[in-house]
């Protein structure tokens, strides 16, 4: 994208389309979200050299839907198992491999692998609960992969609600049970539309 900083402000986060391995199966690229005066621009980078642009004008956004997912738990379990397997392998190498020309390189490789896995494990926990966010307009129902973490989506949508209300010249928000408990995420999904509530800060 040519000089996005002149017209656009990049919003926090990036992500792949889909959830988990679905991202790779459908061939989705990394997506980022940019804020302009009257719309949002989603930039999807495919294969590192092709960019696909989608615009969401504030006046045309009919609903925003946020669904909690279990990907945080699944990814944590997978990484935990891999880290445990690496630790067991390192112990066995240290115990049973006596040839130094083989033993030390194997230990170094296992150490680097476990360090990388531990980094992603901690990063996954720090980023918090996962979700899927969708924008609905008159012509599309589009996933917003960059808002794939619950707290990030909550902050960004809290900012966008004022822009959407101003563009549509009507209240988008009404009081709901969820609004009175901002720290309690919905059990399944939160659908936001004209007459529904976006999470409040």
C-alpha atoms as a PDB file:
ATOM      1  CA  UNK A   1       0.000   0.000   0.000  1.00  0.00           C
ATOM      2  CA  UNK A   2       1.469   3.381  -0.977  1.00  0.00           C
ATOM      3  CA  UNK A   3       2.221   5.735   1.942  1.00  0.00           C
ATOM      4  CA  UNK A   4      -0.657   4.703   4.234  1.00  0.00           C
ATOM      5  CA  UNK A   5       0.643   6.971   6.988  1.00  0.00           C
ATOM      6  CA  UNK A   6      -0.378  10.073   5.015  1.00  0.00           C
ATOM      7  CA  UNK A   7      -4.048   9.160   5.063  1.00  0.00           C
ATOM      8  CA  UNK A   8      -4.390   6.250   7.446  1.00  0.00           C
ATOM      9  CA  UNK A   9      -3.634   5.428  11.038  1.00  0.00           C
ATOM     10  CA  UNK A  10      -2.711   1.806  11.588  1.00  0.00           C
ATOM     11  CA  UNK A  11      -4.786   0.185  14.316  1.00  0.00           C
ATOM     12  CA  UNK A  12      -3.243  -2.347  16.724  1.00  0.00           C
ATOM     13  CA  UNK A  13      -2.889  -5.987  15.788  1.00  0.00           C
ATOM     14  CA  UNK A  14      -2.603  -8.269  12.797  1.00  0.00           C
ATOM     15  CA  UNK A  15      -3.832 -11.753  12.064  1.00  0.00           C
ATOM     16  CA  UNK A  16      -4.584 -14.474   9.553  1.00  0.00           C
ATOM     17  CA  UNK A  17      -8.059 -15.140   8.239  1.00  0.00           C
ATOM     18  CA  UNK A  18      -9.858 -18.065   9.808  1.00  0.00           C
ATOM     19  CA  UNK A  19      -9.070 -19.770  13.086  1.00  0.00           C
ATOM     20  CA  UNK A  20      -6.063 -21.974  13.654  1.00  0.00           C
ATOM     21  CA  UNK A  21      -5.211 -24.339  10.803  1.00  0.00           C
ATOM     22  CA  UNK A  22      -8.151 -22.970   8.789  1.00  0.00           C
ATOM     23  CA  UNK A  23      -5.941 -19.977   8.011  1.00  0.00           C
ATOM     24  CA  UNK A  24      -3.486 -22.167   6.134  1.00  0.00           C
ATOM     25  CA  UNK A  25      -6.098 -24.377   4.468  1.00  0.00           C
ATOM     26  CA  UNK A  26      -7.931 -21.442   2.876  1.00  0.00           C
ATOM     27  CA  UNK A  27      -4.715 -19.633   2.013  1.00  0.00           C
ATOM     28  CA  UNK A  28      -5.570 -16.476   3.934  1.00  0.00           C
ATOM     29  CA  UNK A  29      -2.855 -13.834   4.257  1.00  0.00           C
ATOM     30  CA  UNK A  30      -1.888 -11.572   7.116  1.00  0.00           C
ATOM     31  CA  UNK A  31      -4.397  -8.747   7.597  1.00  0.00           C
ATOM     32  CA  UNK A  32      -3.966  -5.313   9.124  1.00  0.00           C
ATOM     33  CA  UNK A  33      -6.548  -2.609   9.780  1.00  0.00           C
ATOM     34  CA  UNK A  34      -6.130   1.111   9.053  1.00  0.00           C
ATOM     35  CA  UNK A  35      -8.315   4.002  10.190  1.00  0.00           C
ATOM     36  CA  UNK A  36      -9.252   6.894   7.885  1.00  0.00           C
ATOM     37  CA  UNK A  37     -11.561   9.840   8.424  1.00  0.00           C
ATOM     38  CA  UNK A  38     -14.726   8.129   7.205  1.00  0.00           C
ATOM     39  CA  UNK A  39     -13.837   4.447   6.807  1.00  0.00           C
ATOM     40  CA  UNK A  40     -11.657   1.505   7.779  1.00  0.00           C
ATOM     41  CA  UNK A  41      -9.267  -0.107   5.340  1.00  0.00           C
ATOM     42  CA  UNK A  42      -8.320  -3.766   5.722  1.00  0.00           C
ATOM     43  CA  UNK A  43      -5.101  -4.749   3.934  1.00  0.00           C
ATOM     44  CA  UNK A  44      -4.538  -8.454   3.332  1.00  0.00           C
ATOM     45  CA  UNK A  45      -1.005  -9.404   2.333  1.00  0.00           C
ATOM     46  CA  UNK A  46      -0.985 -12.624   0.314  1.00  0.00           C
ATOM     47  CA  UNK A  47       2.253 -14.517  -0.368  1.00  0.00           C
ATOM     48  CA  UNK A  48       4.270 -11.465   0.629  1.00  0.00           C
ATOM     49  CA  UNK A  49       3.804  -9.499  -2.606  1.00  0.00           C
ATOM     50  CA  UNK A  50       0.045  -9.281  -3.341  1.00  0.00           C
ATOM     51  CA  UNK A  51      -2.198  -6.947  -1.334  1.00  0.00           C
ATOM     52  CA  UNK A  52      -6.001  -7.082  -1.252  1.00  0.00           C
ATOM     53  CA  UNK A  53      -7.896  -4.012   0.012  1.00  0.00           C
ATOM     54  CA  UNK A  54     -11.353  -3.859   1.553  1.00  0.00           C
ATOM     55  CA  UNK A  55     -13.007  -0.685   2.801  1.00  0.00           C
ATOM     56  CA  UNK A  56     -15.689  -0.419   5.458  1.00  0.00           C
ATOM     57  CA  UNK A  57     -17.360   2.985   5.518  1.00  0.00           C
ATOM     58  CA  UNK A  58     -18.701   3.980   8.926  1.00  0.00           C
ATOM     59  CA  UNK A  59     -22.013   5.000   7.383  1.00  0.00           C
ATOM     60  CA  UNK A  60     -22.464   1.496   5.930  1.00  0.00           C
ATOM     61  CA  UNK A  61     -21.548  -0.713   8.889  1.00  0.00           C
ATOM     62  CA  UNK A  62     -24.783  -2.368   9.961  1.00  0.00           C
ATOM     63  CA  UNK A  63     -23.448  -4.646  12.687  1.00  0.00           C
ATOM     64  CA  UNK A  64     -20.299  -5.776  14.441  1.00  0.00           C
ATOM     65  CA  UNK A  65     -20.099  -9.281  15.821  1.00  0.00           C
ATOM     66  CA  UNK A  66     -17.491 -10.585  18.259  1.00  0.00           C
ATOM     67  CA  UNK A  67     -17.318 -14.298  19.070  1.00  0.00           C
ATOM     68  CA  UNK A  68     -15.149 -15.762  21.796  1.00  0.00           C
ATOM     69  CA  UNK A  69     -13.074 -18.777  20.707  1.00  0.00           C
ATOM     70  CA  UNK A  70     -11.058 -21.487  22.486  1.00  0.00           C
ATOM     71  CA  UNK A  71      -7.947 -21.072  20.383  1.00  0.00           C
ATOM     72  CA  UNK A  72      -5.988 -19.690  23.367  1.00  0.00           C
ATOM     73  CA  UNK A  73      -6.518 -22.955  25.251  1.00  0.00           C
ATOM     74  CA  UNK A  74      -5.848 -25.169  22.226  1.00  0.00           C
ATOM     75  CA  UNK A  75      -2.631 -23.389  21.284  1.00  0.00           C
ATOM     76  CA  UNK A  76      -1.437 -23.352  24.891  1.00  0.00           C
ATOM     77  CA  UNK A  77      -1.991 -27.099  25.195  1.00  0.00           C
ATOM     78  CA  UNK A  78      -0.184 -27.838  21.924  1.00  0.00           C
ATOM     79  CA  UNK A  79       2.788 -25.665  22.840  1.00  0.00           C
ATOM     80  CA  UNK A  80       2.889 -27.113  26.348  1.00  0.00           C
ATOM     81  CA  UNK A  81       3.014 -30.669  24.982  1.00  0.00           C
ATOM     82  CA  UNK A  82       5.797 -29.724  22.554  1.00  0.00           C
ATOM     83  CA  UNK A  83       7.813 -28.059  25.313  1.00  0.00           C
ATOM     84  CA  UNK A  84       7.373 -31.109  27.526  1.00  0.00           C
ATOM     85  CA  UNK A  85       8.441 -33.392  24.692  1.00  0.00           C
ATOM     86  CA  UNK A  86      11.519 -31.262  24.078  1.00  0.00           C
ATOM     87  CA  UNK A  87      12.477 -31.399  27.764  1.00  0.00           C
ATOM     88  CA  UNK A  88      12.163 -35.195  27.805  1.00  0.00           C
ATOM     89  CA  UNK A  89      14.216 -35.471  24.623  1.00  0.00           C
ATOM     90  CA  UNK A  90      16.945 -33.241  26.076  1.00  0.00           C
ATOM     91  CA  UNK A  91      17.063 -35.377  29.216  1.00  0.00           C
ATOM     92  CA  UNK A  92      17.379 -38.582  27.187  1.00  0.00           C
ATOM     93  CA  UNK A  93      20.102 -37.109  25.003  1.00  0.00           C
ATOM     94  CA  UNK A  94      22.051 -36.057  28.089  1.00  0.00           C
ATOM     95  CA  UNK A  95      21.548 -39.484  29.663  1.00  0.00           C
ATOM     96  CA  UNK A  96      22.088 -41.880  26.791  1.00  0.00           C
ATOM     97  CA  UNK A  97      24.191 -40.114  24.155  1.00  0.00           C
ATOM     98  CA  UNK A  98      27.863 -40.375  25.012  1.00  0.00           C
ATOM     99  CA  UNK A  99      29.494 -39.232  21.783  1.00  0.00           C
ATOM    100  CA  UNK A 100      30.288 -35.551  22.360  1.00  0.00           C
ATOM    101  CA  UNK A 101      30.336 -34.678  18.655  1.00  0.00           C
ATOM    102  CA  UNK A 102      26.668 -35.701  18.534  1.00  0.00           C
ATOM    103  CA  UNK A 103      25.524 -34.918  22.062  1.00  0.00           C
ATOM    104  CA  UNK A 104      26.370 -31.196  22.226  1.00  0.00           C
ATOM    105  CA  UNK A 105      24.893 -30.212  18.837  1.00  0.00           C
ATOM    106  CA  UNK A 106      21.676 -32.081  19.724  1.00  0.00           C
ATOM    107  CA  UNK A 107      21.463 -30.315  23.072  1.00  0.00           C
ATOM    108  CA  UNK A 108      21.957 -26.921  21.429  1.00  0.00           C
ATOM    109  CA  UNK A 109      19.264 -27.605  18.816  1.00  0.00           C
ATOM    110  CA  UNK A 110      16.809 -28.802  21.472  1.00  0.00           C
ATOM    111  CA  UNK A 111      17.572 -25.785  23.658  1.00  0.00           C
ATOM    112  CA  UNK A 112      16.921 -23.337  20.813  1.00  0.00           C
ATOM    113  CA  UNK A 113      13.730 -25.151  19.850  1.00  0.00           C
ATOM    114  CA  UNK A 114      12.416 -25.124  23.424  1.00  0.00           C
ATOM    115  CA  UNK A 115      13.319 -21.443  23.816  1.00  0.00           C
ATOM    116  CA  UNK A 116      11.313 -20.570  20.681  1.00  0.00           C
ATOM    117  CA  UNK A 117       8.343 -22.658  21.828  1.00  0.00           C
ATOM    118  CA  UNK A 118       8.475 -21.098  25.294  1.00  0.00           C
ATOM    119  CA  UNK A 119       8.497 -17.615  23.752  1.00  0.00           C
ATOM    120  CA  UNK A 120       5.340 -18.314  21.742  1.00  0.00           C
ATOM    121  CA  UNK A 121       3.727 -19.991  24.759  1.00  0.00           C
ATOM    122  CA  UNK A 122       4.258 -16.937  26.969  1.00  0.00           C
ATOM    123  CA  UNK A 123       3.281 -14.535  24.175  1.00  0.00           C
ATOM    124  CA  UNK A 124       0.047 -16.440  23.606  1.00  0.00           C
ATOM    125  CA  UNK A 125      -0.852 -16.207  27.304  1.00  0.00           C
ATOM    126  CA  UNK A 126       0.045 -12.522  27.570  1.00  0.00           C
ATOM    127  CA  UNK A 127      -2.123 -11.581  24.571  1.00  0.00           C
ATOM    128  CA  UNK A 128      -5.127 -13.063  26.341  1.00  0.00           C
ATOM    129  CA  UNK A 129      -8.416 -14.638  25.204  1.00  0.00           C
ATOM    130  CA  UNK A 130      -9.041 -15.089  21.494  1.00  0.00           C
ATOM    131  CA  UNK A 131     -12.075 -14.101  19.459  1.00  0.00           C
ATOM    132  CA  UNK A 132     -13.360 -13.667  15.916  1.00  0.00           C
ATOM    133  CA  UNK A 133     -14.621 -10.259  14.851  1.00  0.00           C
ATOM    134  CA  UNK A 134     -16.908  -9.593  11.861  1.00  0.00           C
ATOM    135  CA  UNK A 135     -18.231  -6.456  10.176  1.00  0.00           C
ATOM    136  CA  UNK A 136     -21.619  -6.656   8.460  1.00  0.00           C
ATOM    137  CA  UNK A 137     -22.565  -4.238   5.694  1.00  0.00           C
ATOM    138  CA  UNK A 138     -25.268  -4.323   3.050  1.00  0.00           C
ATOM    139  CA  UNK A 139     -23.028  -6.314   0.699  1.00  0.00           C
ATOM    140  CA  UNK A 140     -20.643  -8.351   2.880  1.00  0.00           C
ATOM    141  CA  UNK A 141     -20.062 -10.117   6.177  1.00  0.00           C
ATOM    142  CA  UNK A 142     -16.296  -9.893   6.592  1.00  0.00           C
ATOM    143  CA  UNK A 143     -13.945 -11.254   9.230  1.00  0.00           C
ATOM    144  CA  UNK A 144     -11.477  -8.761  10.759  1.00  0.00           C
ATOM    145  CA  UNK A 145      -8.476 -10.949  11.665  1.00  0.00           C
ATOM    146  CA  UNK A 146      -6.446  -8.131  13.254  1.00  0.00           C
ATOM    147  CA  UNK A 147      -9.036  -7.995  16.054  1.00  0.00           C
ATOM    148  CA  UNK A 148      -8.405 -11.607  17.005  1.00  0.00           C
ATOM    149  CA  UNK A 149      -7.740 -10.975  20.694  1.00  0.00           C
ATOM    150  CA  UNK A 150     -10.628 -10.089  22.984  1.00  0.00           C
ATOM    151  CA  UNK A 151      -9.109  -7.146  24.836  1.00  0.00           C
ATOM    152  CA  UNK A 152      -7.680  -5.623  21.663  1.00  0.00           C
ATOM    153  CA  UNK A 153     -11.042  -5.894  19.902  1.00  0.00           C
ATOM    154  CA  UNK A 154     -12.733  -4.341  22.922  1.00  0.00           C
ATOM    155  CA  UNK A 155     -10.447  -1.305  22.895  1.00  0.00           C
ATOM    156  CA  UNK A 156     -10.617  -0.739  19.143  1.00  0.00           C
ATOM    157  CA  UNK A 157     -14.395  -1.188  18.919  1.00  0.00           C
ATOM    158  CA  UNK A 158     -14.870   1.161  21.852  1.00  0.00           C
ATOM    159  CA  UNK A 159     -13.084   3.810  19.815  1.00  0.00           C
ATOM    160  CA  UNK A 160     -14.867   3.031  16.560  1.00  0.00           C
ATOM    161  CA  UNK A 161     -18.367   3.188  18.024  1.00  0.00           C
ATOM    162  CA  UNK A 162     -18.182   6.970  18.315  1.00  0.00           C
ATOM    163  CA  UNK A 163     -17.129   7.296  14.683  1.00  0.00           C
ATOM    164  CA  UNK A 164     -19.899   4.957  13.521  1.00  0.00           C
ATOM    165  CA  UNK A 165     -22.509   6.838  15.552  1.00  0.00           C
ATOM    166  CA  UNK A 166     -21.356  10.163  14.156  1.00  0.00           C
ATOM    167  CA  UNK A 167     -21.397   8.889  10.567  1.00  0.00           C
ATOM    168  CA  UNK A 168     -24.860   7.389  10.891  1.00  0.00           C
ATOM    169  CA  UNK A 169     -26.270  10.316  12.890  1.00  0.00           C
ATOM    170  CA  UNK A 170     -28.124   7.978  15.214  1.00  0.00           C
ATOM    171  CA  UNK A 171     -27.410   6.249  18.529  1.00  0.00           C
ATOM    172  CA  UNK A 172     -25.828   2.876  17.948  1.00  0.00           C
ATOM    173  CA  UNK A 173     -25.785   1.989  21.624  1.00  0.00           C
ATOM    174  CA  UNK A 174     -28.328   1.069  24.216  1.00  0.00           C
ATOM    175  CA  UNK A 175     -27.725  -0.195  27.724  1.00  0.00           C
ATOM    176  CA  UNK A 176     -27.363  -3.970  27.982  1.00  0.00           C
ATOM    177  CA  UNK A 177     -26.474  -6.461  30.686  1.00  0.00           C
ATOM    178  CA  UNK A 178     -23.028  -6.866  29.155  1.00  0.00           C
ATOM    179  CA  UNK A 179     -22.393  -3.131  29.379  1.00  0.00           C
ATOM    180  CA  UNK A 180     -22.831  -3.279  33.168  1.00  0.00           C
ATOM    181  CA  UNK A 181     -20.177  -6.009  33.406  1.00  0.00           C
ATOM    182  CA  UNK A 182     -17.377  -4.950  31.032  1.00  0.00           C
ATOM    183  CA  UNK A 183     -14.917  -7.482  32.470  1.00  0.00           C
ATOM    184  CA  UNK A 184     -17.209 -10.472  31.853  1.00  0.00           C
ATOM    185  CA  UNK A 185     -17.020 -11.609  28.193  1.00  0.00           C
ATOM    186  CA  UNK A 186     -20.087 -13.204  26.639  1.00  0.00           C
ATOM    187  CA  UNK A 187     -20.342 -16.961  26.795  1.00  0.00           C
ATOM    188  CA  UNK A 188     -20.792 -17.483  23.052  1.00  0.00           C
ATOM    189  CA  UNK A 189     -20.976 -14.334  20.979  1.00  0.00           C
ATOM    190  CA  UNK A 190     -21.712 -10.636  21.159  1.00  0.00           C
ATOM    191  CA  UNK A 191     -23.581  -9.228  18.176  1.00  0.00           C
ATOM    192  CA  UNK A 192     -23.509  -5.461  17.820  1.00  0.00           C
ATOM    193  CA  UNK A 193     -25.884  -3.693  15.516  1.00  0.00           C
ATOM    194  CA  UNK A 194     -27.943  -0.479  15.456  1.00  0.00           C
ATOM    195  CA  UNK A 195     -29.735  -0.760  18.772  1.00  0.00           C
ATOM    196  CA  UNK A 196     -27.109  -3.065  20.302  1.00  0.00           C
ATOM    197  CA  UNK A 197     -24.116  -2.424  22.579  1.00  0.00           C
ATOM    198  CA  UNK A 198     -20.424  -2.403  21.836  1.00  0.00           C
ATOM    199  CA  UNK A 199     -18.193  -3.154  24.819  1.00  0.00           C
ATOM    200  CA  UNK A 200     -17.523  -0.051  26.874  1.00  0.00           C
ATOM    201  CA  UNK A 201     -14.146   0.850  28.312  1.00  0.00           C
END
